[in-house]
Amino acid sequence: MEPADQVGRRLKELRTGRGLSLSELARRSRVGKGTLSELENGRRNPTLETLYALTTVLGAPLSAVMPLAAVSGGACVSGSAVDAVLIDRHENADAVTEVFRVRIRAGRTQTSAAHAPGTEEHLIVLAGTARVGRTASPLSVGPGGHGGWAADVPHLYGAPSGDVEAILTVRYPAGAPTPAPAPGAVPPDVPPGARPAPTAGRPR
């Protein structure tokens, strides 16, 4: 099974397991219904931004829909600045921890919306200098360095002076509630300048 098919099947299983219609998940995540349908049917390669928007609403870590590299042969999911391959996942009673091999592309910056409350991220830089962390106070991390930040607020990944190669860990506390989309947030697949109509926050 191709990685896009695996992602689509897992997204559909999560959505139906939570009793959400295609339309309702599209509304809550602000991902277009047509885009969501194509993703579930394996006809579209997802972006990191889209997958995070969907899994946040579904109350699941990103690894719930991404195949491990050992299974998929190194399937990569890309965002506007970050290419990520899931290389390990550990789950216990306290948390789910994901390990990604990532590349941040030179001259790009990618902003991520808040993840579930209590989520933390840590980056070990293998090559290059990364600008990462909370959007209000990003860190500069060079080769061999490490940075950590709370990921339950908006945060960013940037490579101001050349590609960055790194290992990223994301730790989600067990049972953490998921945040509702920020009012007026632009959905991942809306063209620049377009704004979504206001919607009510997701019930908790």
N, C-alpha and C. Protein backbone atom coordinates (compact mmCIF):
# COMPACT_ATOMS: atom_id res chain seq x y z
N MET A 1 0.85 -1.20 0.00
CA MET A 1 0.00 0.00 0.00
C MET A 1 0.88 1.24 0.00
N GLU A 2 0.59 2.21 -0.87
CA GLU A 2 1.34 3.44 -0.95
C GLU A 2 1.15 4.30 0.31
N PRO A 3 2.16 5.13 0.68
CA PRO A 3 2.02 5.98 1.87
C PRO A 3 0.77 6.84 1.86
N ALA A 4 0.41 7.44 0.71
CA ALA A 4 -0.80 8.28 0.66
C ALA A 4 -2.04 7.46 0.96
N ASP A 5 -2.08 6.21 0.51
CA ASP A 5 -3.22 5.33 0.80
C ASP A 5 -3.28 5.00 2.29
N GLN A 6 -2.10 4.76 2.89
CA GLN A 6 -2.06 4.46 4.32
C GLN A 6 -2.56 5.64 5.15
N VAL A 7 -2.08 6.83 4.80
CA VAL A 7 -2.50 8.03 5.52
C VAL A 7 -4.01 8.21 5.38
N GLY A 8 -4.53 8.07 4.16
CA GLY A 8 -5.95 8.25 3.93
C GLY A 8 -6.80 7.26 4.70
N ARG A 9 -6.36 6.01 4.70
CA ARG A 9 -7.13 4.98 5.43
C ARG A 9 -7.15 5.28 6.92
N ARG A 10 -6.01 5.70 7.47
CA ARG A 10 -5.96 5.98 8.91
C ARG A 10 -6.77 7.22 9.27
N LEU A 11 -6.74 8.22 8.41
CA LEU A 11 -7.56 9.40 8.66
C LEU A 11 -9.04 9.03 8.70
N LYS A 12 -9.47 8.22 7.74
CA LYS A 12 -10.88 7.82 7.70
C LYS A 12 -11.26 7.00 8.92
N GLU A 13 -10.37 6.10 9.34
CA GLU A 13 -10.65 5.28 10.53
C GLU A 13 -10.79 6.16 11.77
N LEU A 14 -9.90 7.14 11.92
CA LEU A 14 -10.00 8.04 13.07
C LEU A 14 -11.29 8.86 13.02
N ARG A 15 -11.62 9.37 11.84
CA ARG A 15 -12.82 10.21 11.70
C ARG A 15 -14.07 9.41 12.03
N THR A 16 -14.21 8.22 11.44
CA THR A 16 -15.42 7.43 11.68
C THR A 16 -15.44 6.91 13.12
N GLY A 17 -14.26 6.61 13.67
CA GLY A 17 -14.20 6.14 15.06
C GLY A 17 -14.65 7.19 16.05
N ARG A 18 -14.54 8.46 15.68
CA ARG A 18 -15.00 9.55 16.54
C ARG A 18 -16.39 10.03 16.18
N GLY A 19 -17.02 9.34 15.24
CA GLY A 19 -18.41 9.66 14.88
C GLY A 19 -18.56 10.97 14.14
N LEU A 20 -17.53 11.38 13.39
CA LEU A 20 -17.59 12.64 12.65
C LEU A 20 -17.85 12.38 11.18
N SER A 21 -18.73 13.17 10.60
CA SER A 21 -18.93 13.11 9.15
C SER A 21 -17.78 13.82 8.46
N LEU A 22 -17.66 13.58 7.16
CA LEU A 22 -16.64 14.28 6.37
C LEU A 22 -16.83 15.79 6.47
N SER A 23 -18.08 16.22 6.38
CA SER A 23 -18.39 17.66 6.43
C SER A 23 -18.03 18.26 7.78
N GLU A 24 -18.30 17.52 8.86
CA GLU A 24 -18.03 18.05 10.19
C GLU A 24 -16.53 18.17 10.45
N LEU A 25 -15.76 17.15 10.04
CA LEU A 25 -14.31 17.25 10.22
C LEU A 25 -13.74 18.39 9.38
N ALA A 26 -14.25 18.54 8.17
CA ALA A 26 -13.80 19.65 7.32
C ALA A 26 -14.10 20.99 7.99
N ARG A 27 -15.28 21.12 8.58
CA ARG A 27 -15.66 22.38 9.22
C ARG A 27 -14.76 22.67 10.42
N ARG A 28 -14.55 21.66 11.27
CA ARG A 28 -13.77 21.89 12.49
C ARG A 28 -12.30 22.14 12.21
N SER A 29 -11.75 21.47 11.22
CA SER A 29 -10.33 21.61 10.92
C SER A 29 -10.04 22.75 9.96
N ARG A 30 -11.09 23.24 9.28
CA ARG A 30 -10.96 24.25 8.23
C ARG A 30 -10.12 23.75 7.05
N VAL A 31 -10.18 22.45 6.81
CA VAL A 31 -9.61 21.85 5.61
C VAL A 31 -10.78 21.62 4.65
N GLY A 32 -10.63 21.97 3.40
CA GLY A 32 -11.72 21.84 2.44
C GLY A 32 -12.26 20.42 2.37
N LYS A 33 -13.58 20.29 2.23
CA LYS A 33 -14.20 18.97 2.17
C LYS A 33 -13.66 18.16 0.99
N GLY A 34 -13.48 18.83 -0.17
CA GLY A 34 -12.94 18.14 -1.33
C GLY A 34 -11.52 17.63 -1.08
N THR A 35 -10.71 18.47 -0.42
CA THR A 35 -9.35 18.07 -0.07
C THR A 35 -9.36 16.87 0.87
N LEU A 36 -10.23 16.92 1.88
CA LEU A 36 -10.32 15.83 2.84
C LEU A 36 -10.75 14.53 2.17
N SER A 37 -11.73 14.61 1.28
CA SER A 37 -12.18 13.42 0.56
C SER A 37 -11.05 12.81 -0.27
N GLU A 38 -10.28 13.66 -0.96
CA GLU A 38 -9.17 13.16 -1.76
C GLU A 38 -8.08 12.54 -0.88
N LEU A 39 -7.84 13.14 0.29
CA LEU A 39 -6.86 12.57 1.21
C LEU A 39 -7.30 11.19 1.68
N GLU A 40 -8.55 11.06 2.09
CA GLU A 40 -9.04 9.79 2.61
C GLU A 40 -9.02 8.69 1.55
N ASN A 41 -9.12 9.09 0.29
CA ASN A 41 -9.12 8.11 -0.79
C ASN A 41 -7.74 7.92 -1.42
N GLY A 42 -6.70 8.52 -0.81
CA GLY A 42 -5.34 8.33 -1.28
C GLY A 42 -5.03 9.00 -2.59
N ARG A 43 -5.84 9.99 -2.98
CA ARG A 43 -5.64 10.64 -4.27
C ARG A 43 -4.87 11.96 -4.14
N ARG A 44 -4.47 12.32 -2.92
CA ARG A 44 -3.72 13.56 -2.70
C ARG A 44 -2.66 13.31 -1.66
N ASN A 45 -1.46 13.85 -1.92
CA ASN A 45 -0.40 13.77 -0.92
C ASN A 45 -0.61 14.88 0.11
N PRO A 46 -0.70 14.52 1.38
CA PRO A 46 -0.98 15.54 2.40
C PRO A 46 0.24 16.38 2.71
N THR A 47 0.01 17.60 3.17
CA THR A 47 1.08 18.44 3.71
C THR A 47 1.10 18.28 5.22
N LEU A 48 2.23 18.64 5.83
CA LEU A 48 2.33 18.60 7.29
C LEU A 48 1.28 19.50 7.93
N GLU A 49 1.09 20.70 7.36
CA GLU A 49 0.13 21.63 7.94
C GLU A 49 -1.28 21.03 7.94
N THR A 50 -1.66 20.38 6.83
CA THR A 50 -3.00 19.79 6.74
C THR A 50 -3.15 18.64 7.72
N LEU A 51 -2.13 17.77 7.80
CA LEU A 51 -2.22 16.64 8.72
C LEU A 51 -2.31 17.09 10.17
N TYR A 52 -1.54 18.13 10.54
CA TYR A 52 -1.64 18.64 11.90
C TYR A 52 -3.01 19.23 12.18
N ALA A 53 -3.59 19.94 11.21
CA ALA A 53 -4.92 20.51 11.40
C ALA A 53 -5.95 19.41 11.65
N LEU A 54 -5.85 18.31 10.91
CA LEU A 54 -6.81 17.22 11.04
C LEU A 54 -6.59 16.41 12.32
N THR A 55 -5.34 16.03 12.60
CA THR A 55 -5.11 15.20 13.79
C THR A 55 -5.36 15.97 15.08
N THR A 56 -5.14 17.28 15.08
CA THR A 56 -5.46 18.07 16.27
C THR A 56 -6.94 18.01 16.58
N VAL A 57 -7.78 18.18 15.56
CA VAL A 57 -9.23 18.09 15.77
C VAL A 57 -9.63 16.67 16.18
N LEU A 58 -8.96 15.67 15.62
CA LEU A 58 -9.29 14.28 15.92
C LEU A 58 -8.73 13.83 17.27
N GLY A 59 -7.95 14.68 17.92
CA GLY A 59 -7.41 14.32 19.24
C GLY A 59 -6.39 13.22 19.16
N ALA A 60 -5.57 13.23 18.09
CA ALA A 60 -4.59 12.17 17.88
C ALA A 60 -3.23 12.77 17.56
N PRO A 61 -2.13 12.09 17.92
CA PRO A 61 -0.81 12.56 17.50
C PRO A 61 -0.62 12.35 16.00
N LEU A 62 0.32 13.07 15.43
CA LEU A 62 0.57 12.97 13.99
C LEU A 62 0.90 11.55 13.58
N SER A 63 1.62 10.81 14.44
CA SER A 63 2.02 9.45 14.11
C SER A 63 0.86 8.49 13.99
N ALA A 64 -0.34 8.90 14.43
CA ALA A 64 -1.52 8.04 14.27
C ALA A 64 -1.89 7.87 12.81
N VAL A 65 -1.45 8.80 11.95
CA VAL A 65 -1.78 8.69 10.52
C VAL A 65 -0.54 8.53 9.64
N MET A 66 0.65 8.88 10.12
CA MET A 66 1.87 8.76 9.31
C MET A 66 2.47 7.38 9.47
N PRO A 67 2.86 6.73 8.37
CA PRO A 67 3.54 5.43 8.49
C PRO A 67 4.98 5.61 8.93
N LEU A 68 5.48 4.64 9.71
CA LEU A 68 6.88 4.65 10.11
C LEU A 68 7.77 4.42 8.91
N ALA A 69 8.96 5.01 8.93
CA ALA A 69 9.90 4.84 7.82
C ALA A 69 10.25 3.37 7.61
N ALA A 70 10.34 2.61 8.71
CA ALA A 70 10.69 1.19 8.60
C ALA A 70 9.63 0.41 7.84
N VAL A 71 8.39 0.90 7.88
CA VAL A 71 7.28 0.22 7.21
C VAL A 71 7.13 0.73 5.79
N SER A 72 7.28 2.03 5.61
CA SER A 72 6.98 2.65 4.32
C SER A 72 8.18 2.83 3.41
N GLY A 73 9.38 2.50 3.92
CA GLY A 73 10.56 2.73 3.11
C GLY A 73 11.04 4.18 3.14
N GLY A 74 10.65 4.92 4.16
CA GLY A 74 11.13 6.28 4.31
C GLY A 74 10.20 7.33 3.74
N ALA A 75 8.88 7.10 3.83
CA ALA A 75 7.91 8.06 3.31
C ALA A 75 8.10 9.41 3.97
N CYS A 76 8.12 10.46 3.17
CA CYS A 76 8.34 11.82 3.66
C CYS A 76 7.08 12.64 3.46
N VAL A 77 6.74 13.43 4.48
CA VAL A 77 5.64 14.38 4.38
C VAL A 77 6.24 15.77 4.51
N SER A 78 5.84 16.67 3.62
CA SER A 78 6.44 18.00 3.58
C SER A 78 5.45 19.10 3.90
N GLY A 79 5.97 20.17 4.50
CA GLY A 79 5.20 21.38 4.70
C GLY A 79 5.84 22.49 3.89
N SER A 80 5.51 23.72 4.22
CA SER A 80 6.04 24.85 3.46
C SER A 80 7.54 25.04 3.64
N ALA A 81 8.11 24.51 4.74
CA ALA A 81 9.55 24.60 4.97
C ALA A 81 10.17 23.29 5.43
N VAL A 82 9.39 22.38 5.97
CA VAL A 82 9.92 21.19 6.65
C VAL A 82 9.56 19.92 5.89
N ASP A 83 10.57 19.06 5.70
CA ASP A 83 10.36 17.69 5.21
C ASP A 83 10.57 16.78 6.41
N ALA A 84 9.63 15.87 6.68
CA ALA A 84 9.72 15.04 7.88
C ALA A 84 9.47 13.57 7.56
N VAL A 85 10.27 12.71 8.16
CA VAL A 85 10.11 11.26 8.08
C VAL A 85 9.96 10.74 9.50
N LEU A 86 8.89 10.03 9.78
CA LEU A 86 8.68 9.44 11.11
C LEU A 86 9.57 8.21 11.25
N ILE A 87 10.51 8.25 12.21
CA ILE A 87 11.43 7.12 12.36
C ILE A 87 11.19 6.30 13.62
N ASP A 88 10.42 6.81 14.56
CA ASP A 88 10.10 6.01 15.75
C ASP A 88 8.90 6.60 16.46
N ARG A 89 8.23 5.77 17.22
CA ARG A 89 7.07 6.19 18.01
C ARG A 89 7.05 5.35 19.27
N HIS A 90 6.94 6.02 20.42
CA HIS A 90 6.90 5.31 21.70
C HIS A 90 5.67 5.76 22.47
N GLU A 91 4.92 4.79 22.98
CA GLU A 91 3.70 5.11 23.73
C GLU A 91 3.69 4.36 25.04
N ASN A 92 3.38 5.09 26.12
CA ASN A 92 3.16 4.45 27.42
C ASN A 92 2.00 5.14 28.11
N ALA A 93 1.83 4.88 29.39
CA ALA A 93 0.67 5.43 30.10
C ALA A 93 0.75 6.94 30.25
N ASP A 94 1.95 7.51 30.12
CA ASP A 94 2.12 8.94 30.35
C ASP A 94 2.03 9.78 29.08
N ALA A 95 2.50 9.24 27.97
CA ALA A 95 2.61 10.09 26.78
C ALA A 95 2.84 9.27 25.52
N VAL A 96 2.64 9.93 24.40
CA VAL A 96 3.09 9.42 23.10
C VAL A 96 4.25 10.32 22.65
N THR A 97 5.37 9.69 22.32
CA THR A 97 6.54 10.44 21.84
C THR A 97 6.86 10.00 20.43
N GLU A 98 6.98 10.98 19.53
CA GLU A 98 7.31 10.73 18.14
C GLU A 98 8.72 11.22 17.86
N VAL A 99 9.44 10.52 16.98
CA VAL A 99 10.79 10.92 16.59
C VAL A 99 10.81 11.05 15.06
N PHE A 100 11.20 12.23 14.59
CA PHE A 100 11.25 12.51 13.16
C PHE A 100 12.67 12.88 12.74
N ARG A 101 13.06 12.43 11.57
CA ARG A 101 14.24 13.00 10.89
C ARG A 101 13.70 14.13 10.03
N VAL A 102 14.20 15.34 10.21
CA VAL A 102 13.65 16.48 9.49
C VAL A 102 14.72 17.25 8.74
N ARG A 103 14.29 17.87 7.66
CA ARG A 103 15.10 18.86 6.96
C ARG A 103 14.29 20.15 6.91
N ILE A 104 14.90 21.26 7.32
CA ILE A 104 14.28 22.57 7.16
C ILE A 104 14.97 23.22 5.97
N ARG A 105 14.19 23.58 4.97
CA ARG A 105 14.78 24.06 3.73
C ARG A 105 15.26 25.51 3.86
N ALA A 106 16.39 25.77 3.22
CA ALA A 106 17.07 27.07 3.33
C ALA A 106 16.15 28.22 2.94
N GLY A 107 16.18 29.26 3.76
CA GLY A 107 15.44 30.48 3.45
C GLY A 107 13.95 30.39 3.69
N ARG A 108 13.48 29.30 4.26
CA ARG A 108 12.04 29.11 4.49
C ARG A 108 11.72 29.17 5.98
N THR A 109 10.49 29.53 6.29
CA THR A 109 9.98 29.48 7.66
C THR A 109 8.58 28.88 7.62
N GLN A 110 8.33 27.95 8.51
CA GLN A 110 7.02 27.30 8.61
C GLN A 110 6.47 27.51 10.01
N THR A 111 5.24 28.00 10.09
CA THR A 111 4.58 28.23 11.37
C THR A 111 3.58 27.13 11.64
N SER A 112 3.59 26.60 12.84
CA SER A 112 2.66 25.54 13.24
C SER A 112 1.70 26.07 14.28
N ALA A 113 0.43 25.71 14.14
CA ALA A 113 -0.56 26.07 15.14
C ALA A 113 -0.30 25.29 16.43
N ALA A 114 -0.95 25.71 17.51
CA ALA A 114 -0.79 25.04 18.80
C ALA A 114 -1.25 23.60 18.72
N HIS A 115 -0.48 22.70 19.33
CA HIS A 115 -0.87 21.30 19.48
C HIS A 115 -1.63 21.16 20.81
N ALA A 116 -1.93 19.92 21.18
CA ALA A 116 -2.68 19.66 22.41
C ALA A 116 -1.95 20.23 23.63
N PRO A 117 -2.71 20.68 24.65
CA PRO A 117 -2.07 21.23 25.85
C PRO A 117 -1.04 20.28 26.44
N GLY A 118 0.12 20.84 26.79
CA GLY A 118 1.18 20.05 27.39
C GLY A 118 2.16 19.45 26.40
N THR A 119 1.90 19.60 25.09
CA THR A 119 2.81 19.04 24.09
C THR A 119 4.14 19.79 24.11
N GLU A 120 5.24 19.04 24.01
CA GLU A 120 6.57 19.62 23.99
C GLU A 120 7.33 19.13 22.76
N GLU A 121 8.21 19.97 22.22
CA GLU A 121 9.06 19.58 21.11
C GLU A 121 10.52 19.84 21.46
N HIS A 122 11.39 18.98 20.93
CA HIS A 122 12.83 19.12 21.14
C HIS A 122 13.53 18.85 19.83
N LEU A 123 14.53 19.66 19.50
CA LEU A 123 15.25 19.54 18.24
C LEU A 123 16.74 19.41 18.51
N ILE A 124 17.36 18.38 17.93
CA ILE A 124 18.82 18.23 17.93
C ILE A 124 19.29 18.51 16.51
N VAL A 125 20.12 19.52 16.34
CA VAL A 125 20.57 19.92 15.01
C VAL A 125 21.83 19.13 14.63
N LEU A 126 21.77 18.49 13.46
CA LEU A 126 22.90 17.72 12.95
C LEU A 126 23.77 18.57 12.04
N ALA A 127 23.15 19.46 11.27
CA ALA A 127 23.90 20.34 10.36
C ALA A 127 23.09 21.58 10.10
N GLY A 128 23.77 22.73 9.97
CA GLY A 128 23.08 23.99 9.73
C GLY A 128 22.70 24.68 11.02
N THR A 129 22.05 25.82 10.88
CA THR A 129 21.57 26.58 12.04
C THR A 129 20.08 26.80 11.89
N ALA A 130 19.32 26.35 12.89
CA ALA A 130 17.86 26.42 12.86
C ALA A 130 17.37 27.59 13.71
N ARG A 131 16.25 28.16 13.27
CA ARG A 131 15.52 29.14 14.06
C ARG A 131 14.18 28.50 14.38
N VAL A 132 13.99 28.12 15.64
CA VAL A 132 12.84 27.30 16.01
C VAL A 132 12.27 27.73 17.35
N GLY A 133 11.05 27.24 17.64
CA GLY A 133 10.45 27.47 18.94
C GLY A 133 9.23 28.36 18.88
N ARG A 134 8.85 28.88 20.02
CA ARG A 134 7.67 29.72 20.10
C ARG A 134 7.82 30.93 19.18
N THR A 135 6.74 31.27 18.48
CA THR A 135 6.83 32.38 17.54
C THR A 135 7.19 33.69 18.26
N ALA A 136 6.79 33.81 19.52
CA ALA A 136 7.09 35.02 20.28
C ALA A 136 8.54 35.10 20.72
N SER A 137 9.24 33.96 20.81
CA SER A 137 10.63 33.98 21.30
C SER A 137 11.39 32.79 20.72
N PRO A 138 11.65 32.80 19.40
CA PRO A 138 12.35 31.67 18.78
C PRO A 138 13.80 31.56 19.24
N LEU A 139 14.32 30.34 19.11
CA LEU A 139 15.69 30.03 19.49
C LEU A 139 16.55 29.87 18.24
N SER A 140 17.85 30.13 18.37
CA SER A 140 18.82 29.84 17.32
C SER A 140 19.64 28.65 17.79
N VAL A 141 19.60 27.55 17.00
CA VAL A 141 20.27 26.32 17.41
C VAL A 141 21.22 25.88 16.29
N GLY A 142 22.52 25.78 16.61
CA GLY A 142 23.53 25.41 15.64
C GLY A 142 23.87 23.94 15.67
N PRO A 143 24.82 23.51 14.85
CA PRO A 143 25.20 22.10 14.76
C PRO A 143 25.61 21.52 16.11
N GLY A 144 25.04 20.37 16.45
CA GLY A 144 25.33 19.73 17.74
C GLY A 144 24.52 20.30 18.88
N GLY A 145 23.77 21.36 18.63
CA GLY A 145 22.98 22.00 19.68
C GLY A 145 21.60 21.40 19.82
N HIS A 146 20.94 21.79 20.90
CA HIS A 146 19.61 21.28 21.22
C HIS A 146 18.72 22.43 21.65
N GLY A 147 17.48 22.39 21.24
CA GLY A 147 16.49 23.37 21.70
C GLY A 147 15.19 22.68 22.04
N GLY A 148 14.50 23.19 23.04
CA GLY A 148 13.20 22.63 23.42
C GLY A 148 12.21 23.76 23.67
N TRP A 149 10.94 23.49 23.43
CA TRP A 149 9.92 24.52 23.59
C TRP A 149 8.56 23.90 23.81
N ALA A 150 7.65 24.68 24.40
CA ALA A 150 6.25 24.27 24.53
C ALA A 150 5.60 24.38 23.16
N ALA A 151 4.95 23.31 22.73
CA ALA A 151 4.33 23.28 21.40
C ALA A 151 2.82 23.40 21.48
N ASP A 152 2.30 23.80 22.66
CA ASP A 152 0.86 24.02 22.79
C ASP A 152 0.51 25.49 22.57
N VAL A 153 1.45 26.20 21.96
CA VAL A 153 1.25 27.58 21.49
C VAL A 153 1.82 27.62 20.06
N PRO A 154 1.47 28.64 19.26
CA PRO A 154 2.05 28.71 17.92
C PRO A 154 3.58 28.71 17.97
N HIS A 155 4.20 27.96 17.03
CA HIS A 155 5.65 27.85 17.01
C HIS A 155 6.12 27.74 15.57
N LEU A 156 7.43 27.88 15.38
CA LEU A 156 7.94 27.96 14.01
C LEU A 156 9.21 27.14 13.84
N TYR A 157 9.53 26.89 12.55
CA TYR A 157 10.76 26.22 12.15
C TYR A 157 11.33 27.01 10.98
N GLY A 158 12.57 27.43 11.07
CA GLY A 158 13.17 28.20 9.99
C GLY A 158 14.63 27.83 9.79
N ALA A 159 15.13 28.11 8.59
CA ALA A 159 16.54 27.87 8.25
C ALA A 159 17.05 29.12 7.55
N PRO A 160 17.52 30.10 8.30
CA PRO A 160 17.88 31.39 7.70
C PRO A 160 19.12 31.36 6.82
N SER A 161 20.01 30.36 7.00
CA SER A 161 21.28 30.41 6.26
C SER A 161 21.72 29.02 5.79
N GLY A 162 20.90 28.36 5.00
CA GLY A 162 21.24 27.03 4.50
C GLY A 162 20.34 25.96 5.09
N ASP A 163 20.26 24.82 4.41
CA ASP A 163 19.43 23.71 4.88
C ASP A 163 19.85 23.27 6.28
N VAL A 164 18.86 22.84 7.05
CA VAL A 164 19.11 22.30 8.39
C VAL A 164 18.71 20.83 8.39
N GLU A 165 19.58 19.96 8.88
CA GLU A 165 19.27 18.56 9.11
C GLU A 165 19.18 18.35 10.62
N ALA A 166 18.11 17.67 11.07
CA ALA A 166 17.91 17.58 12.52
C ALA A 166 17.03 16.38 12.88
N ILE A 167 17.02 16.11 14.17
CA ILE A 167 16.11 15.12 14.76
C ILE A 167 15.12 15.89 15.63
N LEU A 168 13.84 15.68 15.39
CA LEU A 168 12.78 16.36 16.14
C LEU A 168 11.98 15.34 16.92
N THR A 169 11.79 15.59 18.22
CA THR A 169 10.89 14.76 19.02
C THR A 169 9.68 15.60 19.42
N VAL A 170 8.52 14.97 19.40
CA VAL A 170 7.27 15.61 19.81
C VAL A 170 6.64 14.72 20.86
N ARG A 171 6.37 15.28 22.04
CA ARG A 171 5.81 14.50 23.15
C ARG A 171 4.43 15.03 23.51
N TYR A 172 3.42 14.18 23.34
CA TYR A 172 2.03 14.52 23.67
C TYR A 172 1.65 13.83 24.98
N PRO A 173 1.24 14.56 26.02
CA PRO A 173 0.80 13.91 27.25
C PRO A 173 -0.45 13.05 26.99
N ALA A 174 -0.53 11.93 27.67
CA ALA A 174 -1.69 11.05 27.50
C ALA A 174 -2.95 11.76 27.97
N GLY A 175 -4.02 11.64 27.18
CA GLY A 175 -5.32 12.18 27.57
C GLY A 175 -5.44 13.68 27.48
N ALA A 176 -4.50 14.36 26.83
CA ALA A 176 -4.59 15.82 26.74
C ALA A 176 -5.74 16.22 25.83
N PRO A 177 -6.56 17.20 26.25
CA PRO A 177 -7.62 17.68 25.36
C PRO A 177 -7.02 18.43 24.19
N THR A 178 -7.76 18.52 23.09
CA THR A 178 -7.25 19.21 21.91
C THR A 178 -7.82 20.61 21.82
N PRO A 179 -7.01 21.58 21.38
CA PRO A 179 -7.50 22.95 21.28
C PRO A 179 -8.43 23.14 20.10
N ALA A 180 -9.41 24.04 20.24
CA ALA A 180 -10.25 24.40 19.11
C ALA A 180 -9.45 25.29 18.17
N PRO A 181 -9.78 25.30 16.87
CA PRO A 181 -9.07 26.19 15.95
C PRO A 181 -9.20 27.64 16.39
N ALA A 182 -8.14 28.41 16.19
CA ALA A 182 -8.17 29.82 16.57
C ALA A 182 -9.20 30.56 15.72
N PRO A 183 -10.01 31.44 16.30
CA PRO A 183 -11.00 32.20 15.53
C PRO A 183 -10.34 32.96 14.39
N GLY A 184 -10.89 32.80 13.19
CA GLY A 184 -10.38 33.52 12.03
C GLY A 184 -9.12 32.94 11.44
N ALA A 185 -8.65 31.76 11.93
CA ALA A 185 -7.43 31.17 11.38
C ALA A 185 -7.64 30.78 9.93
N VAL A 186 -6.60 30.96 9.12
CA VAL A 186 -6.69 30.58 7.71
C VAL A 186 -6.43 29.09 7.59
N PRO A 187 -7.31 28.32 6.97
CA PRO A 187 -7.10 26.89 6.83
C PRO A 187 -5.91 26.59 5.94
N PRO A 188 -5.32 25.37 6.06
CA PRO A 188 -4.10 25.07 5.35
C PRO A 188 -4.19 25.19 3.84
N ASP A 189 -5.35 24.90 3.23
CA ASP A 189 -5.45 24.87 1.78
C ASP A 189 -6.21 26.05 1.20
N VAL A 190 -6.35 27.13 1.98
CA VAL A 190 -7.00 28.34 1.46
C VAL A 190 -5.94 29.24 0.84
N PRO A 191 -6.15 29.73 -0.37
CA PRO A 191 -5.15 30.59 -1.01
C PRO A 191 -4.89 31.85 -0.20
N PRO A 192 -3.67 32.42 -0.30
CA PRO A 192 -3.36 33.65 0.43
C PRO A 192 -4.40 34.74 0.14
N GLY A 193 -4.82 35.44 1.18
CA GLY A 193 -5.77 36.53 1.02
C GLY A 193 -7.20 36.10 1.26
N ALA A 194 -7.47 34.79 1.16
CA ALA A 194 -8.84 34.31 1.41
C ALA A 194 -9.00 34.09 2.90
N ARG A 195 -10.18 34.37 3.43
CA ARG A 195 -10.44 34.19 4.85
C ARG A 195 -11.66 33.30 5.02
N PRO A 196 -11.64 32.35 5.97
CA PRO A 196 -12.81 31.51 6.19
C PRO A 196 -13.90 32.25 6.95
N ALA A 197 -15.12 31.79 6.77
CA ALA A 197 -16.22 32.35 7.55
C ALA A 197 -16.07 31.92 8.99
N PRO A 198 -16.41 32.77 9.97
CA PRO A 198 -16.27 32.39 11.38
C PRO A 198 -17.13 31.18 11.68
N THR A 199 -16.58 30.29 12.53
CA THR A 199 -17.31 29.10 12.97
C THR A 199 -17.17 28.97 14.46
N ALA A 200 -18.07 28.24 15.07
CA ALA A 200 -18.02 28.03 16.51
C ALA A 200 -16.87 27.10 16.84
N GLY A 201 -16.28 27.28 18.02
CA GLY A 201 -15.21 26.40 18.47
C GLY A 201 -15.73 25.01 18.70
N ARG A 202 -14.81 24.04 18.66
CA ARG A 202 -15.19 22.64 18.85
C ARG A 202 -15.55 22.39 20.31
N PRO A 203 -16.67 21.71 20.58
CA PRO A 203 -16.99 21.38 21.97
C PRO A 203 -15.95 20.46 22.58
N ARG A 204 -15.70 20.64 23.83
CA ARG A 204 -14.69 19.83 24.50
C ARG A 204 -15.34 18.67 25.24
